[in-house]
């Protein structure tokens, strides 16, 4: 296959598009509406409350990765790196699945399954095009953790349907299951936000008159986490939630492992002049982008794009991914400064670029917020006051809301 042919099969939309379209897709049994394009074509479910099969129809091969940090025991999260999804898809479930959604992430697509009962992923596999089916199918089989009951007669679907209904409940039970599925609300599409409290443990950070930076950043991070989680729109991951030392590289790996949609590192600046005060935001400088390569692994989707021994295509995709991430980071930084200015003085040059280690993830939009100067009496008073922190972190949370809202509005045009 030539280079042009390879390009045609790669998820350019995920790299180049700054937004995604919002839509809805319901799929029960063998039914399902196709997406408007992209890697995910549709999602179909079959089975009952003993065993349920989920089939994701794809226009390309994909490798899936189960997240081991799902928000609750009754949730399954499957990441599909390198798979595009043009719309935020969601629908009611069937059997062991109460509701499902598919959303775009910084690295591909993510499937959320909200379970109706305790269940385990028994098997998952990829089926290539075959037997009259023109597309790939990623299959997950769920099995109930409840005590087994006598199996009921198996029911096979039509030949065109690749979902095998493993067993069928009695008519009354089936009617109840479908009625419950209809009244349950689809699960919300939650973005993953990483909050990084700067310094910690053996690294105290800058020294103020009343305290040290590591304590100020942790208090602010906890306030921001509480504010974001209150909205129900986000899954929030803290790089540290105690006075612990976390290496800088580890903080980046936490973000990539969580398939983060946004990374924000909180810090307090310092300087020799106590009269210097104000907030600023850093994004990654172009000159430091080459250092991001150390966070790339052979399992990243763009590393699998080239033929063995030829990294040309992978290199191009890596560069495009970085550029898209840089643009998103810069967009968020400008929005953040606009909001923070209502609560805190800004430095004259408030948007800065640097090669800071925590900004190096090539596929996670990231900023570092200097909330003010801990060496300034005025700024330290704001950062040390719970009410002042709440107002400042409220501005940060409002920015995060607006950032993701803007993505949705632009995509729906």
Protein backbone atom coordinates (compact mmCIF):
# COMPACT_ATOMS: atom_id res chain seq x y z
CA UNK A 1 0.00 0.00 0.00
CA UNK A 2 1.33 3.45 -0.90
CA UNK A 3 1.73 6.32 1.53
CA UNK A 4 -1.44 8.00 0.22
CA UNK A 5 -3.39 4.81 0.81
CA UNK A 6 -2.05 4.53 4.33
CA UNK A 7 -3.00 8.15 5.06
CA UNK A 8 -6.55 7.48 3.91
CA UNK A 9 -6.96 4.87 6.62
CA UNK A 10 -5.57 6.97 9.46
CA UNK A 11 -7.67 9.00 11.97
CA UNK A 12 -6.92 12.46 10.61
CA UNK A 13 -10.17 13.83 12.00
CA UNK A 14 -9.03 13.22 15.56
CA UNK A 15 -5.77 15.03 14.99
CA UNK A 16 -6.84 17.96 12.88
CA UNK A 17 -10.37 18.64 14.12
CA UNK A 18 -10.52 21.00 17.07
CA UNK A 19 -14.06 19.93 17.88
CA UNK A 20 -16.51 17.06 17.67
CA UNK A 21 -20.11 16.83 16.59
CA UNK A 22 -22.77 16.11 19.17
CA UNK A 23 -25.31 13.44 18.30
CA UNK A 24 -27.21 10.55 19.75
CA UNK A 25 -27.25 6.89 18.90
CA UNK A 26 -29.40 4.19 20.44
CA UNK A 27 -28.67 0.52 19.87
CA UNK A 28 -30.49 -2.47 21.34
CA UNK A 29 -29.97 -5.97 20.06
CA UNK A 30 -29.29 -5.80 16.34
CA UNK A 31 -30.43 -2.23 15.80
CA UNK A 32 -28.36 0.96 15.78
CA UNK A 33 -27.98 4.20 13.90
CA UNK A 34 -24.72 4.71 12.05
CA UNK A 35 -22.47 7.61 12.97
CA UNK A 36 -21.86 10.37 10.48
CA UNK A 37 -18.42 9.00 9.75
CA UNK A 38 -15.14 8.34 11.50
CA UNK A 39 -13.79 5.18 13.03
CA UNK A 40 -16.87 4.25 15.10
CA UNK A 41 -19.78 3.31 12.84
CA UNK A 42 -22.34 2.10 15.38
CA UNK A 43 -22.77 0.22 18.66
CA UNK A 44 -25.01 -2.81 19.09
CA UNK A 45 -26.00 -4.90 22.10
CA UNK A 46 -27.43 -8.38 22.53
CA UNK A 47 -28.08 -10.85 25.33
CA UNK A 48 -29.71 -10.73 28.72
CA UNK A 49 -28.90 -10.16 32.40
CA UNK A 50 -26.70 -13.25 32.54
CA UNK A 51 -24.49 -12.55 29.53
CA UNK A 52 -24.44 -9.46 27.32
CA UNK A 53 -22.44 -8.82 24.17
CA UNK A 54 -21.44 -5.34 23.01
CA UNK A 55 -20.29 -4.91 19.41
CA UNK A 56 -18.59 -1.73 18.21
CA UNK A 57 -18.58 -1.52 14.43
CA UNK A 58 -15.40 0.17 13.17
CA UNK A 59 -14.10 1.22 9.78
CA UNK A 60 -10.55 0.17 10.74
CA UNK A 61 -8.67 -2.27 12.93
CA UNK A 62 -8.18 -1.18 16.53
CA UNK A 63 -6.65 -2.35 19.77
CA UNK A 64 -8.64 -1.71 22.95
CA UNK A 65 -7.45 -1.09 26.48
CA UNK A 66 -9.65 -1.49 29.55
CA UNK A 67 -9.20 1.32 32.08
CA UNK A 68 -8.51 -0.05 35.55
CA UNK A 69 -9.56 3.18 37.25
CA UNK A 70 -13.26 3.32 36.35
CA UNK A 71 -15.32 5.67 38.49
CA UNK A 72 -17.34 2.84 40.06
CA UNK A 73 -17.46 -0.99 40.15
CA UNK A 74 -20.52 -0.87 37.92
CA UNK A 75 -18.78 0.92 35.08
CA UNK A 76 -16.63 -0.42 32.27
CA UNK A 77 -14.37 1.97 30.37
CA UNK A 78 -12.69 0.86 27.14
CA UNK A 79 -10.19 3.13 25.40
CA UNK A 80 -9.69 2.74 21.64
CA UNK A 81 -6.52 4.67 20.75
CA UNK A 82 -6.34 5.97 17.21
CA UNK A 83 -10.07 5.50 16.58
CA UNK A 84 -12.03 8.58 15.55
CA UNK A 85 -15.59 9.37 16.55
CA UNK A 86 -17.32 12.26 14.82
CA UNK A 87 -20.14 12.51 17.34
CA UNK A 88 -20.69 12.08 21.05
CA UNK A 89 -22.80 8.92 20.88
CA UNK A 90 -24.97 7.51 23.66
CA UNK A 91 -27.97 5.32 24.20
CA UNK A 92 -29.94 3.04 26.50
CA UNK A 93 -28.65 -0.41 27.25
CA UNK A 94 -29.82 -4.02 27.40
CA UNK A 95 -29.23 -6.88 29.79
CA UNK A 96 -26.24 -6.14 32.00
CA UNK A 97 -25.76 -2.71 30.42
CA UNK A 98 -27.97 0.09 31.72
CA UNK A 99 -26.63 2.77 29.35
CA UNK A 100 -23.63 3.40 27.12
CA UNK A 101 -21.75 6.26 25.51
CA UNK A 102 -18.84 6.78 23.12
CA UNK A 103 -16.87 10.01 23.21
CA UNK A 104 -13.80 11.47 21.62
CA UNK A 105 -10.62 11.74 23.68
CA UNK A 106 -7.24 13.30 23.02
CA UNK A 107 -5.94 9.91 21.86
CA UNK A 108 -8.94 8.32 20.15
CA UNK A 109 -12.36 7.12 21.35
CA UNK A 110 -13.63 5.97 24.73
CA UNK A 111 -16.57 3.62 25.40
CA UNK A 112 -18.38 3.95 28.75
CA UNK A 113 -20.68 1.17 29.91
CA UNK A 114 -22.93 1.93 32.87
CA UNK A 115 -23.82 -1.50 34.26
CA UNK A 116 -27.20 -2.52 35.65
CA UNK A 117 -25.64 -5.22 37.85
CA UNK A 118 -22.24 -6.46 38.96
CA UNK A 119 -20.53 -7.98 35.94
CA UNK A 120 -17.11 -8.86 34.57
CA UNK A 121 -15.59 -8.54 31.11
CA UNK A 122 -15.21 -12.21 30.22
CA UNK A 123 -13.58 -11.73 26.83
CA UNK A 124 -12.90 -9.09 24.20
CA UNK A 125 -11.59 -9.46 20.68
CA UNK A 126 -11.48 -7.88 17.23
CA UNK A 127 -13.23 -9.48 14.27
CA UNK A 128 -11.97 -8.56 10.80
CA UNK A 129 -14.29 -8.13 7.82
CA UNK A 130 -15.62 -11.57 6.87
CA UNK A 131 -18.71 -13.56 5.95
CA UNK A 132 -20.39 -10.68 4.14
CA UNK A 133 -19.59 -8.09 6.85
CA UNK A 134 -17.52 -5.26 5.36
CA UNK A 135 -16.28 -3.61 8.57
CA UNK A 136 -14.27 -4.52 11.66
CA UNK A 137 -16.07 -5.35 14.91
CA UNK A 138 -14.66 -4.93 18.40
CA UNK A 139 -16.53 -7.29 20.73
CA UNK A 140 -16.89 -7.28 24.53
CA UNK A 141 -18.65 -10.08 26.36
CA UNK A 142 -19.94 -9.34 29.86
CA UNK A 143 -20.85 -12.02 32.34
CA UNK A 144 -22.95 -11.54 35.47
CA UNK A 145 -21.24 -11.97 38.85
CA UNK A 146 -24.53 -13.19 40.35
CA UNK A 147 -25.05 -16.93 41.04
CA UNK A 148 -25.83 -18.79 37.84
CA UNK A 149 -29.38 -19.74 36.97
CA UNK A 150 -30.63 -22.37 34.55
CA UNK A 151 -29.91 -21.36 30.98
CA UNK A 152 -32.85 -20.59 28.74
CA UNK A 153 -33.03 -21.53 25.08
CA UNK A 154 -30.53 -19.73 22.89
CA UNK A 155 -31.90 -17.52 20.15
CA UNK A 156 -29.96 -16.81 17.00
CA UNK A 157 -30.39 -13.58 15.14
CA UNK A 158 -30.70 -13.07 11.41
CA UNK A 159 -27.66 -13.91 9.29
CA UNK A 160 -26.87 -10.25 8.70
CA UNK A 161 -26.63 -9.64 12.45
CA UNK A 162 -23.24 -10.43 13.94
CA UNK A 163 -24.53 -10.19 17.53
CA UNK A 164 -25.48 -13.60 18.88
CA UNK A 165 -28.11 -13.42 21.61
CA UNK A 166 -26.68 -15.91 24.07
CA UNK A 167 -29.92 -16.46 25.97
CA UNK A 168 -33.33 -14.86 26.06
CA UNK A 169 -35.31 -14.14 29.24
CA UNK A 170 -38.95 -15.05 29.55
CA UNK A 171 -41.36 -12.67 27.75
CA UNK A 172 -42.46 -10.91 30.96
CA UNK A 173 -38.88 -10.41 32.11
CA UNK A 174 -37.89 -9.18 28.65
CA UNK A 175 -40.71 -6.64 28.67
CA UNK A 176 -39.61 -5.39 32.09
CA UNK A 177 -35.99 -5.13 30.96
CA UNK A 178 -36.93 -3.10 27.88
CA UNK A 179 -39.22 -0.83 29.89
CA UNK A 180 -36.46 -0.10 32.40
CA UNK A 181 -34.02 0.59 29.55
CA UNK A 182 -36.41 3.12 28.06
CA UNK A 183 -36.84 5.16 31.26
CA UNK A 184 -33.18 5.16 32.27
CA UNK A 185 -31.34 8.31 31.26
CA UNK A 186 -28.23 7.86 29.13
CA UNK A 187 -25.02 8.29 31.11
CA UNK A 188 -23.35 11.64 30.88
CA UNK A 189 -20.24 12.12 28.76
CA UNK A 190 -17.62 13.04 31.34
CA UNK A 191 -14.30 14.58 30.43
CA UNK A 192 -11.16 13.51 32.27
CA UNK A 193 -9.36 16.40 33.97
CA UNK A 194 -5.99 15.98 35.67
CA UNK A 195 -5.21 18.41 38.50
CA UNK A 196 -1.53 18.58 39.38
CA UNK A 197 -0.70 20.19 42.73
CA UNK A 198 2.84 21.46 42.23
CA UNK A 199 5.76 20.25 44.38
CA UNK A 200 5.07 18.11 47.48
CA UNK A 201 6.90 15.95 50.00
CA UNK A 202 10.64 16.61 49.99
CA UNK A 203 10.11 19.39 47.42
CA UNK A 204 8.48 22.32 49.29
CA UNK A 205 8.61 24.77 46.37
CA UNK A 206 8.81 28.51 47.00
CA UNK A 207 8.78 29.98 50.51
CA UNK A 208 6.31 32.68 51.53
CA UNK A 209 6.00 34.67 54.72
CA UNK A 210 3.24 32.41 56.07
CA UNK A 211 3.81 29.08 54.33
CA UNK A 212 5.31 27.11 51.46
CA UNK A 213 4.17 26.55 47.88
CA UNK A 214 3.44 22.83 48.19
CA UNK A 215 0.72 23.47 50.79
CA UNK A 216 -0.86 26.31 48.82
CA UNK A 217 -1.04 24.26 45.61
CA UNK A 218 -2.55 21.22 47.34
CA UNK A 219 -5.23 23.33 49.00
CA UNK A 220 -6.07 24.95 45.67
CA UNK A 221 -6.11 21.59 43.86
CA UNK A 222 -8.57 20.15 46.39
CA UNK A 223 -10.82 23.19 46.02
CA UNK A 224 -10.79 22.86 42.23
CA UNK A 225 -11.48 19.12 42.39
CA UNK A 226 -14.49 19.67 44.65
CA UNK A 227 -15.85 22.36 42.35
CA UNK A 228 -15.48 20.24 39.21
CA UNK A 229 -16.93 17.08 40.74
CA UNK A 230 -19.93 19.00 42.03
CA UNK A 231 -21.01 19.64 38.45
CA UNK A 232 -21.00 15.93 37.59
CA UNK A 233 -19.44 16.69 34.21
CA UNK A 234 -15.94 15.44 34.91
CA UNK A 235 -13.83 12.58 36.17
CA UNK A 236 -11.09 14.30 38.14
CA UNK A 237 -7.70 12.70 38.80
CA UNK A 238 -5.20 14.24 41.20
CA UNK A 239 -1.50 13.61 40.67
CA UNK A 240 -1.18 13.88 44.44
CA UNK A 241 -3.79 14.31 47.20
CA UNK A 242 -1.38 14.46 50.12
CA UNK A 243 2.02 15.87 51.04
CA UNK A 244 3.80 13.38 48.79
CA UNK A 245 6.63 13.75 46.33
CA UNK A 246 5.65 12.74 42.80
CA UNK A 247 8.35 12.85 40.07
CA UNK A 248 7.56 15.15 37.17
CA UNK A 249 7.66 12.35 34.58
CA UNK A 250 5.21 10.36 36.67
CA UNK A 251 2.74 13.24 36.63
CA UNK A 252 2.78 13.20 32.83
CA UNK A 253 2.37 9.43 32.75
CA UNK A 254 -0.65 9.70 35.07
CA UNK A 255 -2.30 12.01 32.55
CA UNK A 256 -1.55 9.77 29.58
CA UNK A 257 -2.62 6.61 31.41
CA UNK A 258 -5.96 8.22 32.27
CA UNK A 259 -6.51 9.31 28.64
CA UNK A 260 -6.87 12.84 29.97
CA UNK A 261 -8.75 15.52 28.07
CA UNK A 262 -7.02 18.33 29.98
CA UNK A 263 -4.07 18.71 32.38
CA UNK A 264 -3.68 21.73 34.67
CA UNK A 265 -0.70 22.16 36.99
CA UNK A 266 -1.10 24.61 39.89
CA UNK A 267 1.86 26.61 41.22
CA UNK A 268 2.71 29.79 43.15
CA UNK A 269 5.43 32.03 41.73
CA UNK A 270 8.27 33.71 43.64
CA UNK A 271 10.63 36.61 43.13
CA UNK A 272 13.13 38.81 44.95
CA UNK A 273 10.84 41.86 44.94
CA UNK A 274 7.85 41.63 47.30
CA UNK A 275 6.03 44.18 45.16
CA UNK A 276 5.93 41.82 42.18
CA UNK A 277 2.58 40.07 42.01
CA UNK A 278 0.15 38.55 39.52
CA UNK A 279 -0.89 35.33 37.84
CA UNK A 280 0.46 33.85 34.61
CA UNK A 281 -0.06 30.75 32.49
CA UNK A 282 2.58 28.62 30.76
CA UNK A 283 2.18 26.39 27.74
CA UNK A 284 4.84 24.23 26.09
CA UNK A 285 7.42 26.06 23.99
CA UNK A 286 8.02 24.78 20.46
CA UNK A 287 11.73 24.43 21.15
CA UNK A 288 10.97 21.83 23.84
CA UNK A 289 8.58 19.70 21.77
CA UNK A 290 11.30 17.19 20.90
CA UNK A 291 11.51 16.15 24.54
CA UNK A 292 7.96 14.81 24.35
CA UNK A 293 9.26 11.79 22.43
CA UNK A 294 10.40 10.17 25.67
CA UNK A 295 6.75 9.67 26.65
CA UNK A 296 5.90 7.83 23.44
CA UNK A 297 5.64 4.04 23.54
CA UNK A 298 5.39 1.42 20.82
CA UNK A 299 1.74 0.92 21.78
CA UNK A 300 0.71 4.46 20.86
CA UNK A 301 -1.55 4.43 17.81
CA UNK A 302 0.69 6.69 15.71
CA UNK A 303 3.70 4.42 16.32
CA UNK A 304 1.79 1.56 14.68
CA UNK A 305 1.08 3.53 11.52
CA UNK A 306 4.39 2.89 9.77
CA UNK A 307 5.64 -0.29 8.22
CA UNK A 308 8.31 -2.20 10.21
CA UNK A 309 11.62 -0.42 10.00
CA UNK A 310 10.06 2.77 8.57
CA UNK A 311 9.00 5.44 11.05
CA UNK A 312 8.25 8.12 8.47
CA UNK A 313 4.45 8.04 8.76
CA UNK A 314 4.61 7.70 12.54
CA UNK A 315 6.85 10.74 12.73
CA UNK A 316 4.43 12.82 10.69
CA UNK A 317 1.46 11.74 12.81
CA UNK A 318 3.40 12.43 16.00
CA UNK A 319 4.19 15.96 14.82
CA UNK A 320 0.56 16.59 13.86
CA UNK A 321 -0.64 15.28 17.22
CA UNK A 322 1.75 17.60 19.02
CA UNK A 323 0.63 20.57 16.96
CA UNK A 324 -3.05 19.91 17.66
CA UNK A 325 -2.28 19.52 21.37
CA UNK A 326 -0.27 22.76 21.37
CA UNK A 327 -3.15 24.64 19.74
CA UNK A 328 -5.68 23.34 22.25
CA UNK A 329 -3.37 24.21 25.14
CA UNK A 330 -2.91 27.77 23.85
CA UNK A 331 -6.66 28.19 23.36
CA UNK A 332 -7.36 27.07 26.92
CA UNK A 333 -4.57 29.29 28.30
CA UNK A 334 -6.10 32.42 26.73
CA UNK A 335 -9.55 31.56 28.06
CA UNK A 336 -8.08 30.89 31.51
CA UNK A 337 -6.32 34.25 31.69
CA UNK A 338 -9.52 36.04 30.71
CA UNK A 339 -11.42 34.41 33.59
CA UNK A 340 -8.65 34.60 36.20
CA UNK A 341 -8.28 38.32 35.53
CA UNK A 342 -11.64 38.85 37.26
CA UNK A 343 -10.23 37.42 40.50
CA UNK A 344 -6.49 38.09 40.40
CA UNK A 345 -4.02 40.58 39.00
CA UNK A 346 -2.15 39.34 35.93
CA UNK A 347 1.48 39.79 35.09
CA UNK A 348 2.11 42.16 32.19
CA UNK A 349 3.22 39.22 30.02
CA UNK A 350 0.77 36.70 31.37
CA UNK A 351 0.88 33.98 28.66
CA UNK A 352 4.34 32.46 28.56
CA UNK A 353 5.98 29.46 26.92
CA UNK A 354 8.59 27.20 28.48
CA UNK A 355 9.94 23.67 28.32
CA UNK A 356 8.41 22.62 31.65
CA UNK A 357 8.41 18.86 32.20
CA UNK A 358 4.74 18.59 33.21
CA UNK A 359 3.68 20.05 29.85
CA UNK A 360 5.43 17.44 27.72
CA UNK A 361 2.60 14.97 27.06
CA UNK A 362 2.30 14.98 23.24
CA UNK A 363 -1.41 14.21 23.21
CA UNK A 364 -2.86 15.90 26.33
CA UNK A 365 -3.63 19.65 26.27
CA UNK A 366 -1.78 21.08 29.27
CA UNK A 367 -1.16 24.38 31.06
CA UNK A 368 0.72 25.44 34.18
CA UNK A 369 -1.02 28.16 36.17
CA UNK A 370 1.09 30.38 38.42
CA UNK A 371 -1.72 31.52 40.71
CA UNK A 372 0.25 34.48 42.00
CA UNK A 373 3.48 35.25 43.84
CA UNK A 374 3.81 33.61 47.22
CA UNK A 375 6.49 36.21 47.94
CA UNK A 376 3.89 38.99 47.50
CA UNK A 377 1.89 39.81 50.65
CA UNK A 378 -1.22 40.55 48.57
CA UNK A 379 -1.04 37.34 46.51
CA UNK A 380 -0.15 35.17 49.50
CA UNK A 381 -3.17 36.54 51.34
CA UNK A 382 -5.43 35.50 48.47
CA UNK A 383 -3.89 32.03 48.16
CA UNK A 384 -3.88 31.45 51.92
CA UNK A 385 -7.51 32.44 52.39
CA UNK A 386 -10.05 29.65 51.76
CA UNK A 387 -12.56 32.13 50.34
CA UNK A 388 -9.93 33.65 48.06
CA UNK A 389 -8.91 30.20 46.81
CA UNK A 390 -12.53 29.30 46.19
CA UNK A 391 -13.04 32.37 44.04
CA UNK A 392 -9.84 31.78 42.09
CA UNK A 393 -10.54 28.08 41.56
CA UNK A 394 -14.12 28.95 40.64
CA UNK A 395 -12.71 31.02 37.78
CA UNK A 396 -10.55 28.06 36.72
CA UNK A 397 -13.54 25.70 36.84
CA UNK A 398 -15.66 28.15 34.83
CA UNK A 399 -12.91 28.22 32.21
CA UNK A 400 -12.89 24.42 32.00
CA UNK A 401 -16.67 24.43 31.52
CA UNK A 402 -16.43 27.06 28.77
CA UNK A 403 -13.54 25.26 27.07
CA UNK A 404 -15.46 22.03 26.63
CA UNK A 405 -18.71 23.87 25.83
CA UNK A 406 -16.92 25.72 23.03
CA UNK A 407 -15.71 22.41 21.57
CA UNK A 408 -19.30 21.19 21.41
CA UNK A 409 -20.76 24.41 19.96
CA UNK A 410 -18.16 24.69 17.23
CA UNK A 411 -18.64 21.07 16.22
CA UNK A 412 -22.40 21.39 15.95
CA UNK A 413 -22.26 24.13 13.31
